[in-house]
Amino acid sequence: MSQPARSRFRGAIAGVGTSSGVRIVIGCWSSSPYGGFADAMVETALGHRVLLAPSPEVAEFVASTYSFDEVRVEPISVVAGPTAWTVRSDSLELVLALGAPTALGRLLRVVPARVAEAPWWCAVTDPVARVALRGVRTRGSAGNGRREHYGATGVRRLSAAAGAFDGTDLGVLATVDPPPRFGFSSTPRRPSVTQVVTTVVPS
């Protein structure tokens, strides 16, 4: 499938740290140029970066945007309920318990969606995000001649996590530290789920 000049991915991103040292970023996208889908980026305690993508087309786009040591194409699903996310694929099983909105999440609620999702607003919030949330960027180079703009509209804490990657238990929820090395931006250090609209444009 060809990639349009301007693409929007609407959904949510979960950033998860575990006591095993494995850090995971899960995307649950309700709409995108590839339809609705889920994907996961996993970095092991030894620094091995793995992409789990549901189709060759999604794998090609994501792998040419971020950096991985291994790409796996396999069915992956996210059931996103009001109190929990359940993630399943051949490689990953994960249940995430959702907590309350963060202070930032409550603040984002007062920003009109059309403003929060606009690339120009991402340029305004980027300097603030760099200071307030270590490793987080709201715009930057996505590689392969692309730039990304992250427009967040809400943030909720994660209160618990349990699961396994490649059959090995992940342990309990922990901070996302060190930040995973997939691209120009990381998730917040504190595990959370962010409602987001990602706009990808040519650089």
N, C-alpha and C. Protein backbone atom coordinates (compact mmCIF):
# COMPACT_ATOMS: atom_id res chain seq x y z
N MET A 1 0.85 -1.18 0.00
CA MET A 1 0.00 0.00 0.00
C MET A 1 0.89 1.23 0.00
N SER A 2 0.62 2.18 -0.89
CA SER A 2 1.44 3.39 -0.93
C SER A 2 1.10 4.29 0.24
N GLN A 3 2.09 5.05 0.70
CA GLN A 3 1.94 5.91 1.84
C GLN A 3 1.61 7.33 1.38
N PRO A 4 0.48 7.92 1.78
CA PRO A 4 0.15 9.28 1.38
C PRO A 4 1.14 10.28 1.95
N ALA A 5 1.16 11.50 1.33
CA ALA A 5 2.12 12.51 1.75
C ALA A 5 1.89 12.91 3.21
N ARG A 6 0.66 12.92 3.67
CA ARG A 6 0.33 13.28 5.05
C ARG A 6 -0.53 12.17 5.63
N SER A 7 -0.08 11.58 6.71
CA SER A 7 -0.79 10.44 7.30
C SER A 7 -1.12 10.74 8.74
N ARG A 8 -2.29 10.27 9.17
CA ARG A 8 -2.69 10.44 10.56
C ARG A 8 -3.02 9.08 11.17
N PHE A 9 -2.48 8.87 12.36
CA PHE A 9 -2.73 7.67 13.14
C PHE A 9 -3.42 8.11 14.43
N ARG A 10 -4.64 7.68 14.63
CA ARG A 10 -5.43 8.09 15.79
C ARG A 10 -5.63 6.89 16.71
N GLY A 11 -5.27 7.07 18.00
CA GLY A 11 -5.44 5.97 18.93
C GLY A 11 -4.79 6.25 20.26
N ALA A 12 -4.08 5.26 20.79
CA ALA A 12 -3.45 5.39 22.11
C ALA A 12 -2.14 4.62 22.13
N ILE A 13 -1.21 5.11 22.95
CA ILE A 13 0.10 4.48 23.11
C ILE A 13 0.30 4.17 24.59
N ALA A 14 0.66 2.93 24.91
CA ALA A 14 1.00 2.54 26.27
C ALA A 14 2.51 2.38 26.38
N GLY A 15 3.10 3.04 27.37
CA GLY A 15 4.52 2.89 27.66
C GLY A 15 4.68 2.12 28.95
N VAL A 16 5.36 0.96 28.89
CA VAL A 16 5.39 0.03 30.02
C VAL A 16 6.83 -0.33 30.37
N GLY A 17 7.18 -0.23 31.64
CA GLY A 17 8.42 -0.79 32.15
C GLY A 17 8.09 -1.98 33.03
N THR A 18 9.00 -2.95 33.10
CA THR A 18 8.77 -4.13 33.94
C THR A 18 10.00 -4.42 34.79
N SER A 19 9.79 -5.15 35.87
CA SER A 19 10.89 -5.47 36.77
C SER A 19 11.91 -6.41 36.14
N SER A 20 11.55 -7.07 35.04
CA SER A 20 12.50 -7.92 34.32
C SER A 20 13.49 -7.11 33.50
N GLY A 21 13.23 -5.81 33.35
CA GLY A 21 14.08 -4.97 32.52
C GLY A 21 13.57 -4.80 31.11
N VAL A 22 12.53 -5.54 30.75
CA VAL A 22 11.92 -5.40 29.42
C VAL A 22 11.03 -4.16 29.43
N ARG A 23 11.18 -3.33 28.39
CA ARG A 23 10.34 -2.15 28.23
C ARG A 23 9.55 -2.29 26.94
N ILE A 24 8.29 -1.87 26.97
CA ILE A 24 7.37 -2.14 25.86
C ILE A 24 6.58 -0.87 25.55
N VAL A 25 6.44 -0.59 24.26
CA VAL A 25 5.57 0.47 23.77
C VAL A 25 4.53 -0.17 22.87
N ILE A 26 3.26 0.00 23.22
CA ILE A 26 2.16 -0.63 22.50
C ILE A 26 1.32 0.44 21.85
N GLY A 27 1.06 0.29 20.56
CA GLY A 27 0.16 1.19 19.86
C GLY A 27 -1.16 0.51 19.57
N CYS A 28 -2.25 1.18 19.91
CA CYS A 28 -3.59 0.69 19.63
C CYS A 28 -4.28 1.76 18.78
N TRP A 29 -4.34 1.53 17.48
CA TRP A 29 -4.75 2.56 16.52
C TRP A 29 -6.16 2.27 16.00
N SER A 30 -7.08 3.21 16.25
CA SER A 30 -8.45 3.04 15.77
C SER A 30 -8.60 3.43 14.31
N SER A 31 -7.75 4.34 13.83
CA SER A 31 -7.78 4.71 12.42
C SER A 31 -6.38 5.10 11.97
N SER A 32 -6.06 4.77 10.72
CA SER A 32 -4.75 5.04 10.16
C SER A 32 -4.81 4.76 8.66
N PRO A 33 -3.75 5.05 7.90
CA PRO A 33 -3.75 4.65 6.49
C PRO A 33 -3.85 3.14 6.29
N TYR A 34 -3.60 2.37 7.35
CA TYR A 34 -3.66 0.90 7.28
C TYR A 34 -4.89 0.36 7.99
N GLY A 35 -5.85 1.24 8.28
CA GLY A 35 -7.03 0.82 9.03
C GLY A 35 -6.72 0.75 10.52
N GLY A 36 -7.58 0.09 11.27
CA GLY A 36 -7.32 -0.11 12.68
C GLY A 36 -6.37 -1.28 12.89
N PHE A 37 -5.41 -1.10 13.79
CA PHE A 37 -4.45 -2.18 14.07
C PHE A 37 -3.76 -1.92 15.39
N ALA A 38 -3.02 -2.91 15.85
CA ALA A 38 -2.17 -2.78 17.03
C ALA A 38 -0.77 -3.23 16.67
N ASP A 39 0.22 -2.64 17.33
CA ASP A 39 1.61 -3.08 17.18
C ASP A 39 2.32 -2.91 18.50
N ALA A 40 3.50 -3.50 18.61
CA ALA A 40 4.26 -3.39 19.85
C ALA A 40 5.75 -3.29 19.53
N MET A 41 6.43 -2.46 20.30
CA MET A 41 7.87 -2.33 20.23
C MET A 41 8.43 -2.80 21.57
N VAL A 42 9.33 -3.76 21.54
CA VAL A 42 9.85 -4.37 22.76
C VAL A 42 11.36 -4.21 22.79
N GLU A 43 11.89 -3.72 23.92
CA GLU A 43 13.34 -3.72 24.11
C GLU A 43 13.66 -4.57 25.34
N THR A 44 14.48 -5.59 25.16
CA THR A 44 14.81 -6.49 26.26
C THR A 44 15.81 -5.84 27.20
N ALA A 45 16.05 -6.50 28.31
CA ALA A 45 17.01 -5.99 29.29
C ALA A 45 18.42 -5.90 28.71
N LEU A 46 18.70 -6.70 27.68
CA LEU A 46 20.02 -6.67 27.02
C LEU A 46 20.07 -5.68 25.87
N GLY A 47 18.97 -4.96 25.63
CA GLY A 47 18.97 -3.94 24.60
C GLY A 47 18.57 -4.39 23.22
N HIS A 48 18.03 -5.60 23.09
CA HIS A 48 17.57 -6.11 21.79
C HIS A 48 16.19 -5.55 21.50
N ARG A 49 16.05 -4.86 20.37
CA ARG A 49 14.81 -4.16 20.03
C ARG A 49 14.02 -4.95 19.00
N VAL A 50 12.77 -5.26 19.34
CA VAL A 50 11.93 -6.12 18.51
C VAL A 50 10.64 -5.39 18.16
N LEU A 51 10.27 -5.41 16.88
CA LEU A 51 8.98 -4.90 16.44
C LEU A 51 8.03 -6.06 16.21
N LEU A 52 6.84 -5.96 16.77
CA LEU A 52 5.76 -6.90 16.51
C LEU A 52 4.70 -6.16 15.70
N ALA A 53 4.49 -6.59 14.45
CA ALA A 53 3.57 -5.89 13.56
C ALA A 53 2.58 -6.89 12.97
N PRO A 54 1.33 -6.47 12.71
CA PRO A 54 0.31 -7.41 12.27
C PRO A 54 0.32 -7.73 10.78
N SER A 55 1.08 -6.98 9.99
CA SER A 55 1.10 -7.22 8.54
C SER A 55 2.43 -6.75 7.97
N PRO A 56 2.82 -7.27 6.79
CA PRO A 56 4.06 -6.81 6.17
C PRO A 56 4.04 -5.31 5.88
N GLU A 57 2.86 -4.76 5.51
CA GLU A 57 2.77 -3.33 5.18
C GLU A 57 3.04 -2.48 6.42
N VAL A 58 2.42 -2.83 7.53
CA VAL A 58 2.66 -2.08 8.78
C VAL A 58 4.11 -2.25 9.22
N ALA A 59 4.63 -3.47 9.13
CA ALA A 59 6.01 -3.73 9.52
C ALA A 59 6.97 -2.87 8.71
N GLU A 60 6.73 -2.77 7.39
CA GLU A 60 7.62 -1.99 6.53
C GLU A 60 7.60 -0.51 6.92
N PHE A 61 6.39 0.02 7.14
CA PHE A 61 6.29 1.44 7.50
C PHE A 61 6.96 1.73 8.84
N VAL A 62 6.63 0.94 9.86
CA VAL A 62 7.16 1.20 11.20
C VAL A 62 8.67 0.98 11.25
N ALA A 63 9.14 -0.10 10.59
CA ALA A 63 10.57 -0.41 10.62
C ALA A 63 11.40 0.61 9.85
N SER A 64 10.79 1.30 8.89
CA SER A 64 11.52 2.33 8.16
C SER A 64 11.41 3.69 8.84
N THR A 65 10.62 3.74 9.92
CA THR A 65 10.45 4.97 10.68
C THR A 65 11.26 4.94 11.97
N TYR A 66 11.33 3.77 12.60
CA TYR A 66 12.06 3.61 13.85
C TYR A 66 13.19 2.60 13.68
N SER A 67 13.89 2.30 14.76
CA SER A 67 15.07 1.42 14.69
C SER A 67 14.83 0.14 15.48
N PHE A 68 15.09 -1.01 14.83
CA PHE A 68 14.90 -2.31 15.46
C PHE A 68 16.04 -3.24 15.07
N ASP A 69 16.26 -4.22 15.93
CA ASP A 69 17.21 -5.30 15.63
C ASP A 69 16.52 -6.49 15.01
N GLU A 70 15.20 -6.58 15.20
CA GLU A 70 14.43 -7.73 14.71
C GLU A 70 13.00 -7.29 14.44
N VAL A 71 12.43 -7.79 13.36
CA VAL A 71 11.03 -7.50 13.01
C VAL A 71 10.27 -8.81 12.90
N ARG A 72 9.15 -8.92 13.60
CA ARG A 72 8.31 -10.10 13.56
C ARG A 72 6.91 -9.71 13.07
N VAL A 73 6.44 -10.37 12.03
CA VAL A 73 5.08 -10.16 11.55
C VAL A 73 4.23 -11.28 12.11
N GLU A 74 3.28 -10.92 12.96
CA GLU A 74 2.42 -11.90 13.61
C GLU A 74 1.13 -11.22 14.04
N PRO A 75 0.05 -11.98 14.16
CA PRO A 75 -1.20 -11.38 14.63
C PRO A 75 -1.01 -10.78 16.03
N ILE A 76 -1.51 -9.57 16.21
CA ILE A 76 -1.42 -8.93 17.52
C ILE A 76 -2.72 -8.17 17.77
N SER A 77 -3.28 -8.35 18.95
CA SER A 77 -4.55 -7.70 19.28
C SER A 77 -4.43 -6.97 20.60
N VAL A 78 -5.17 -5.88 20.72
CA VAL A 78 -5.30 -5.16 21.97
C VAL A 78 -6.78 -4.96 22.25
N VAL A 79 -7.23 -5.49 23.35
CA VAL A 79 -8.59 -5.23 23.82
C VAL A 79 -8.48 -4.12 24.85
N ALA A 80 -8.92 -2.92 24.46
CA ALA A 80 -8.76 -1.74 25.31
C ALA A 80 -10.08 -1.43 26.00
N GLY A 81 -10.21 -1.85 27.25
CA GLY A 81 -11.42 -1.61 28.02
C GLY A 81 -11.28 -0.40 28.92
N PRO A 82 -12.30 -0.06 29.68
CA PRO A 82 -12.26 1.12 30.54
C PRO A 82 -11.31 0.99 31.72
N THR A 83 -10.98 -0.24 32.12
CA THR A 83 -10.12 -0.42 33.28
C THR A 83 -8.84 -1.20 32.99
N ALA A 84 -8.74 -1.79 31.78
CA ALA A 84 -7.57 -2.62 31.49
C ALA A 84 -7.36 -2.76 29.99
N TRP A 85 -6.11 -3.02 29.60
CA TRP A 85 -5.75 -3.44 28.25
C TRP A 85 -5.29 -4.89 28.32
N THR A 86 -5.74 -5.69 27.35
CA THR A 86 -5.25 -7.05 27.21
C THR A 86 -4.58 -7.18 25.84
N VAL A 87 -3.29 -7.52 25.85
CA VAL A 87 -2.49 -7.58 24.63
C VAL A 87 -2.11 -9.04 24.38
N ARG A 88 -2.30 -9.49 23.12
CA ARG A 88 -1.95 -10.87 22.80
C ARG A 88 -1.33 -10.95 21.42
N SER A 89 -0.23 -11.68 21.33
CA SER A 89 0.38 -12.05 20.05
C SER A 89 1.12 -13.36 20.27
N ASP A 90 1.76 -13.87 19.22
CA ASP A 90 2.54 -15.10 19.38
C ASP A 90 3.69 -14.90 20.36
N SER A 91 4.25 -13.69 20.40
CA SER A 91 5.43 -13.42 21.22
C SER A 91 5.11 -12.79 22.57
N LEU A 92 4.01 -12.06 22.65
CA LEU A 92 3.74 -11.21 23.81
C LEU A 92 2.35 -11.45 24.36
N GLU A 93 2.28 -11.62 25.67
CA GLU A 93 1.01 -11.62 26.41
C GLU A 93 1.15 -10.61 27.53
N LEU A 94 0.17 -9.70 27.64
CA LEU A 94 0.31 -8.63 28.61
C LEU A 94 -1.07 -8.13 29.02
N VAL A 95 -1.26 -7.95 30.32
CA VAL A 95 -2.47 -7.33 30.85
C VAL A 95 -2.05 -6.09 31.62
N LEU A 96 -2.64 -4.95 31.27
CA LEU A 96 -2.32 -3.68 31.90
C LEU A 96 -3.54 -3.14 32.63
N ALA A 97 -3.38 -2.79 33.89
CA ALA A 97 -4.47 -2.18 34.66
C ALA A 97 -4.35 -0.67 34.57
N LEU A 98 -5.46 -0.02 34.21
CA LEU A 98 -5.47 1.43 34.04
C LEU A 98 -5.82 2.12 35.35
N GLY A 99 -5.09 3.20 35.64
CA GLY A 99 -5.38 4.01 36.80
C GLY A 99 -6.06 5.32 36.42
N ALA A 100 -5.93 6.30 37.27
CA ALA A 100 -6.60 7.59 37.08
C ALA A 100 -5.84 8.46 36.08
N PRO A 101 -6.49 9.47 35.52
CA PRO A 101 -5.78 10.43 34.68
C PRO A 101 -4.68 11.12 35.48
N THR A 102 -3.57 11.41 34.81
CA THR A 102 -2.49 12.16 35.44
C THR A 102 -2.86 13.65 35.48
N ALA A 103 -2.04 14.43 36.20
CA ALA A 103 -2.27 15.89 36.22
C ALA A 103 -2.20 16.45 34.80
N LEU A 104 -1.22 15.95 34.01
CA LEU A 104 -1.13 16.38 32.63
C LEU A 104 -2.37 15.96 31.85
N GLY A 105 -2.85 14.75 32.10
CA GLY A 105 -4.04 14.28 31.41
C GLY A 105 -5.25 15.16 31.69
N ARG A 106 -5.39 15.61 32.94
CA ARG A 106 -6.50 16.50 33.27
C ARG A 106 -6.34 17.84 32.58
N LEU A 107 -5.10 18.32 32.48
CA LEU A 107 -4.85 19.59 31.80
C LEU A 107 -5.17 19.49 30.31
N LEU A 108 -4.82 18.37 29.71
CA LEU A 108 -5.06 18.20 28.27
C LEU A 108 -6.54 18.21 27.93
N ARG A 109 -7.37 17.87 28.90
CA ARG A 109 -8.82 17.83 28.64
C ARG A 109 -9.38 19.21 28.31
N VAL A 110 -8.73 20.27 28.77
CA VAL A 110 -9.26 21.62 28.53
C VAL A 110 -8.79 22.18 27.19
N VAL A 111 -7.86 21.49 26.52
CA VAL A 111 -7.40 21.94 25.22
C VAL A 111 -8.33 21.37 24.16
N PRO A 112 -8.94 22.22 23.31
CA PRO A 112 -9.81 21.69 22.26
C PRO A 112 -9.08 20.67 21.39
N ALA A 113 -9.77 19.59 21.00
CA ALA A 113 -9.13 18.51 20.24
C ALA A 113 -8.51 19.01 18.95
N ARG A 114 -9.19 19.93 18.27
CA ARG A 114 -8.66 20.41 16.99
C ARG A 114 -7.34 21.16 17.18
N VAL A 115 -7.13 21.74 18.37
CA VAL A 115 -5.87 22.41 18.69
C VAL A 115 -4.82 21.38 19.10
N ALA A 116 -5.19 20.48 20.02
CA ALA A 116 -4.24 19.49 20.54
C ALA A 116 -3.68 18.61 19.45
N GLU A 117 -4.47 18.35 18.40
CA GLU A 117 -4.05 17.45 17.34
C GLU A 117 -3.28 18.14 16.22
N ALA A 118 -3.21 19.46 16.24
CA ALA A 118 -2.60 20.21 15.15
C ALA A 118 -1.07 20.19 15.24
N PRO A 119 -0.36 19.99 14.11
CA PRO A 119 1.10 20.00 14.14
C PRO A 119 1.70 21.28 14.73
N TRP A 120 1.06 22.43 14.50
CA TRP A 120 1.63 23.68 15.04
C TRP A 120 1.59 23.67 16.57
N TRP A 121 0.56 23.05 17.15
CA TRP A 121 0.48 22.96 18.61
C TRP A 121 1.57 22.04 19.16
N CYS A 122 1.91 20.99 18.41
CA CYS A 122 2.99 20.09 18.81
C CYS A 122 4.32 20.85 18.87
N ALA A 123 4.51 21.81 17.96
CA ALA A 123 5.71 22.64 17.99
C ALA A 123 5.75 23.50 19.24
N VAL A 124 4.58 23.97 19.68
CA VAL A 124 4.50 24.79 20.89
C VAL A 124 4.80 23.96 22.13
N THR A 125 4.27 22.74 22.19
CA THR A 125 4.39 21.93 23.40
C THR A 125 5.72 21.18 23.50
N ASP A 126 6.46 21.06 22.39
CA ASP A 126 7.70 20.27 22.40
C ASP A 126 8.71 20.75 23.44
N PRO A 127 9.01 22.07 23.54
CA PRO A 127 9.98 22.50 24.57
C PRO A 127 9.52 22.19 25.98
N VAL A 128 8.21 22.27 26.22
CA VAL A 128 7.68 21.96 27.55
C VAL A 128 7.81 20.48 27.85
N ALA A 129 7.49 19.65 26.87
CA ALA A 129 7.57 18.20 27.06
C ALA A 129 9.00 17.77 27.37
N ARG A 130 9.98 18.38 26.71
CA ARG A 130 11.38 18.01 26.93
C ARG A 130 11.80 18.24 28.39
N VAL A 131 11.27 19.31 28.98
CA VAL A 131 11.64 19.65 30.36
C VAL A 131 10.81 18.85 31.37
N ALA A 132 9.50 18.77 31.12
CA ALA A 132 8.59 18.16 32.09
C ALA A 132 8.62 16.63 32.07
N LEU A 133 8.86 16.04 30.90
CA LEU A 133 8.82 14.58 30.75
C LEU A 133 10.09 14.12 30.09
N ARG A 134 11.03 13.64 30.88
CA ARG A 134 12.34 13.27 30.36
C ARG A 134 12.24 12.30 29.19
N GLY A 135 12.89 12.67 28.08
CA GLY A 135 12.93 11.79 26.92
C GLY A 135 11.76 11.94 25.97
N VAL A 136 10.71 12.67 26.38
CA VAL A 136 9.51 12.81 25.55
C VAL A 136 9.66 13.99 24.61
N ARG A 137 9.33 13.77 23.36
CA ARG A 137 9.28 14.83 22.35
C ARG A 137 7.90 14.79 21.69
N THR A 138 7.39 15.94 21.29
CA THR A 138 6.11 15.97 20.59
C THR A 138 6.27 16.22 19.10
N ARG A 139 7.49 16.43 18.65
CA ARG A 139 7.76 16.49 17.22
C ARG A 139 9.23 16.19 17.00
N GLY A 140 9.56 15.73 15.79
CA GLY A 140 10.94 15.44 15.48
C GLY A 140 11.06 14.60 14.23
N SER A 141 12.29 14.29 13.86
CA SER A 141 12.54 13.51 12.65
C SER A 141 12.20 12.05 12.90
N ALA A 142 11.37 11.51 12.04
CA ALA A 142 10.99 10.11 12.15
C ALA A 142 11.84 9.22 11.25
N GLY A 143 12.80 9.80 10.54
CA GLY A 143 13.65 9.02 9.65
C GLY A 143 12.99 8.78 8.30
N ASN A 144 13.76 8.31 7.36
CA ASN A 144 13.25 7.97 6.03
C ASN A 144 12.53 9.14 5.38
N GLY A 145 13.05 10.35 5.60
CA GLY A 145 12.45 11.53 4.99
C GLY A 145 11.12 11.93 5.58
N ARG A 146 10.87 11.60 6.85
CA ARG A 146 9.60 11.90 7.49
C ARG A 146 9.81 12.68 8.78
N ARG A 147 8.79 13.46 9.14
CA ARG A 147 8.72 14.09 10.45
C ARG A 147 7.41 13.69 11.10
N GLU A 148 7.44 13.57 12.44
CA GLU A 148 6.25 13.18 13.18
C GLU A 148 5.86 14.26 14.16
N HIS A 149 4.55 14.38 14.37
CA HIS A 149 3.99 15.31 15.35
C HIS A 149 3.03 14.51 16.23
N TYR A 150 3.27 14.53 17.55
CA TYR A 150 2.44 13.79 18.49
C TYR A 150 1.50 14.77 19.20
N GLY A 151 0.20 14.66 18.93
CA GLY A 151 -0.78 15.50 19.60
C GLY A 151 -1.53 14.73 20.66
N ALA A 152 -1.16 14.91 21.93
CA ALA A 152 -1.78 14.15 23.02
C ALA A 152 -3.06 14.83 23.47
N THR A 153 -4.08 14.02 23.73
CA THR A 153 -5.36 14.55 24.21
C THR A 153 -5.75 13.98 25.57
N GLY A 154 -4.96 13.10 26.14
CA GLY A 154 -5.25 12.55 27.45
C GLY A 154 -4.17 11.59 27.90
N VAL A 155 -3.97 11.47 29.22
CA VAL A 155 -2.98 10.56 29.77
C VAL A 155 -3.55 9.90 31.03
N ARG A 156 -3.45 8.57 31.10
CA ARG A 156 -3.84 7.84 32.31
C ARG A 156 -2.66 7.02 32.81
N ARG A 157 -2.53 6.93 34.13
CA ARG A 157 -1.49 6.09 34.72
C ARG A 157 -1.80 4.62 34.51
N LEU A 158 -0.76 3.81 34.48
CA LEU A 158 -0.91 2.37 34.59
C LEU A 158 -0.64 1.98 36.03
N SER A 159 -1.47 1.12 36.59
CA SER A 159 -1.32 0.77 38.00
C SER A 159 -0.74 -0.63 38.20
N ALA A 160 -0.76 -1.47 37.16
CA ALA A 160 -0.21 -2.82 37.29
C ALA A 160 -0.01 -3.41 35.90
N ALA A 161 0.88 -4.39 35.84
CA ALA A 161 1.14 -5.11 34.58
C ALA A 161 1.55 -6.53 34.90
N ALA A 162 1.14 -7.45 34.04
CA ALA A 162 1.55 -8.85 34.18
C ALA A 162 1.55 -9.48 32.80
N GLY A 163 2.54 -10.36 32.55
CA GLY A 163 2.57 -11.01 31.26
C GLY A 163 3.90 -11.69 30.99
N ALA A 164 4.12 -12.02 29.71
CA ALA A 164 5.34 -12.72 29.33
C ALA A 164 5.73 -12.32 27.92
N PHE A 165 7.03 -12.33 27.65
CA PHE A 165 7.56 -12.11 26.30
C PHE A 165 8.44 -13.30 25.94
N ASP A 166 8.14 -13.93 24.82
CA ASP A 166 8.84 -15.14 24.39
C ASP A 166 8.83 -16.20 25.48
N GLY A 167 7.70 -16.28 26.20
CA GLY A 167 7.52 -17.30 27.22
C GLY A 167 8.18 -17.03 28.56
N THR A 168 8.86 -15.88 28.68
CA THR A 168 9.53 -15.53 29.93
C THR A 168 8.74 -14.47 30.68
N ASP A 169 8.48 -14.70 31.95
CA ASP A 169 7.69 -13.79 32.76
C ASP A 169 8.33 -12.41 32.82
N LEU A 170 7.49 -11.37 32.69
CA LEU A 170 7.97 -10.00 32.66
C LEU A 170 8.13 -9.39 34.06
N GLY A 171 7.59 -10.02 35.07
CA GLY A 171 7.64 -9.44 36.40
C GLY A 171 6.52 -8.44 36.58
N VAL A 172 6.74 -7.48 37.46
CA VAL A 172 5.70 -6.50 37.79
C VAL A 172 6.01 -5.16 37.13
N LEU A 173 5.04 -4.26 37.21
CA LEU A 173 5.18 -2.94 36.61
C LEU A 173 6.33 -2.17 37.25
N ALA A 174 7.10 -1.48 36.41
CA ALA A 174 8.23 -0.67 36.89
C ALA A 174 8.35 0.56 36.01
N THR A 175 9.22 1.48 36.41
CA THR A 175 9.43 2.68 35.60
C THR A 175 10.02 2.30 34.24
N VAL A 176 9.77 3.14 33.25
CA VAL A 176 10.31 2.91 31.91
C VAL A 176 11.72 3.50 31.88
N ASP A 177 12.67 2.72 32.39
CA ASP A 177 14.02 3.21 32.60
C ASP A 177 15.01 2.06 32.46
N PRO A 178 16.02 2.19 31.57
CA PRO A 178 16.29 3.36 30.74
C PRO A 178 15.26 3.51 29.63
N PRO A 179 15.19 4.72 29.03
CA PRO A 179 14.23 4.91 27.95
C PRO A 179 14.52 3.97 26.79
N PRO A 180 13.49 3.37 26.19
CA PRO A 180 13.71 2.50 25.04
C PRO A 180 14.26 3.30 23.85
N ARG A 181 15.04 2.65 23.00
CA ARG A 181 15.77 3.33 21.93
C ARG A 181 15.18 2.99 20.56
N PHE A 182 13.93 3.37 20.36
CA PHE A 182 13.29 3.08 19.09
C PHE A 182 13.34 4.25 18.11
N GLY A 183 13.32 5.48 18.65
CA GLY A 183 13.28 6.64 17.78
C GLY A 183 13.67 7.90 18.51
N PHE A 184 13.24 9.04 17.98
CA PHE A 184 13.66 10.33 18.54
C PHE A 184 12.97 10.64 19.86
N SER A 185 11.86 9.98 20.16
CA SER A 185 11.10 10.26 21.37
C SER A 185 10.87 8.99 22.16
N SER A 186 10.80 9.11 23.48
CA SER A 186 10.48 7.98 24.33
C SER A 186 9.10 8.21 24.95
N THR A 187 8.63 7.23 25.71
CA THR A 187 7.40 7.40 26.47
C THR A 187 7.76 8.02 27.82
N PRO A 188 6.78 8.53 28.57
CA PRO A 188 7.07 9.03 29.91
C PRO A 188 7.71 7.95 30.79
N ARG A 189 8.56 8.38 31.72
CA ARG A 189 9.24 7.43 32.61
C ARG A 189 8.23 6.66 33.46
N ARG A 190 7.15 7.34 33.84
CA ARG A 190 6.11 6.69 34.62
C ARG A 190 5.17 5.96 33.67
N PRO A 191 4.92 4.66 33.85
CA PRO A 191 4.07 3.91 32.94
C PRO A 191 2.70 4.56 32.77
N SER A 192 2.25 4.67 31.54
CA SER A 192 1.01 5.38 31.27
C SER A 192 0.46 5.01 29.91
N VAL A 193 -0.79 5.40 29.68
CA VAL A 193 -1.44 5.29 28.38
C VAL A 193 -1.81 6.70 27.93
N THR A 194 -1.36 7.07 26.74
CA THR A 194 -1.60 8.40 26.20
C THR A 194 -2.50 8.32 24.98
N GLN A 195 -3.61 9.04 25.03
CA GLN A 195 -4.45 9.20 23.85
C GLN A 195 -3.75 10.18 22.92
N VAL A 196 -3.60 9.81 21.64
CA VAL A 196 -2.75 10.60 20.77
C VAL A 196 -3.22 10.54 19.33
N VAL A 197 -2.94 11.63 18.61
CA VAL A 197 -3.04 11.64 17.16
C VAL A 197 -1.66 11.94 16.63
N THR A 198 -1.11 11.00 15.87
CA THR A 198 0.23 11.14 15.29
C THR A 198 0.09 11.54 13.82
N THR A 199 0.69 12.68 13.46
CA THR A 199 0.69 13.14 12.08
C THR A 199 2.08 12.97 11.51
N VAL A 200 2.17 12.25 10.39
CA VAL A 200 3.45 12.01 9.73
C VAL A 200 3.45 12.75 8.41
N VAL A 201 4.49 13.57 8.20
CA VAL A 201 4.58 14.38 6.98
C VAL A 201 5.98 14.25 6.41
N PRO A 202 6.17 14.53 5.11
CA PRO A 202 7.52 14.54 4.56
C PRO A 202 8.35 15.62 5.21
N SER A 203 9.64 15.34 5.44
CA SER A 203 10.52 16.34 6.06
C SER A 203 11.14 17.24 5.01
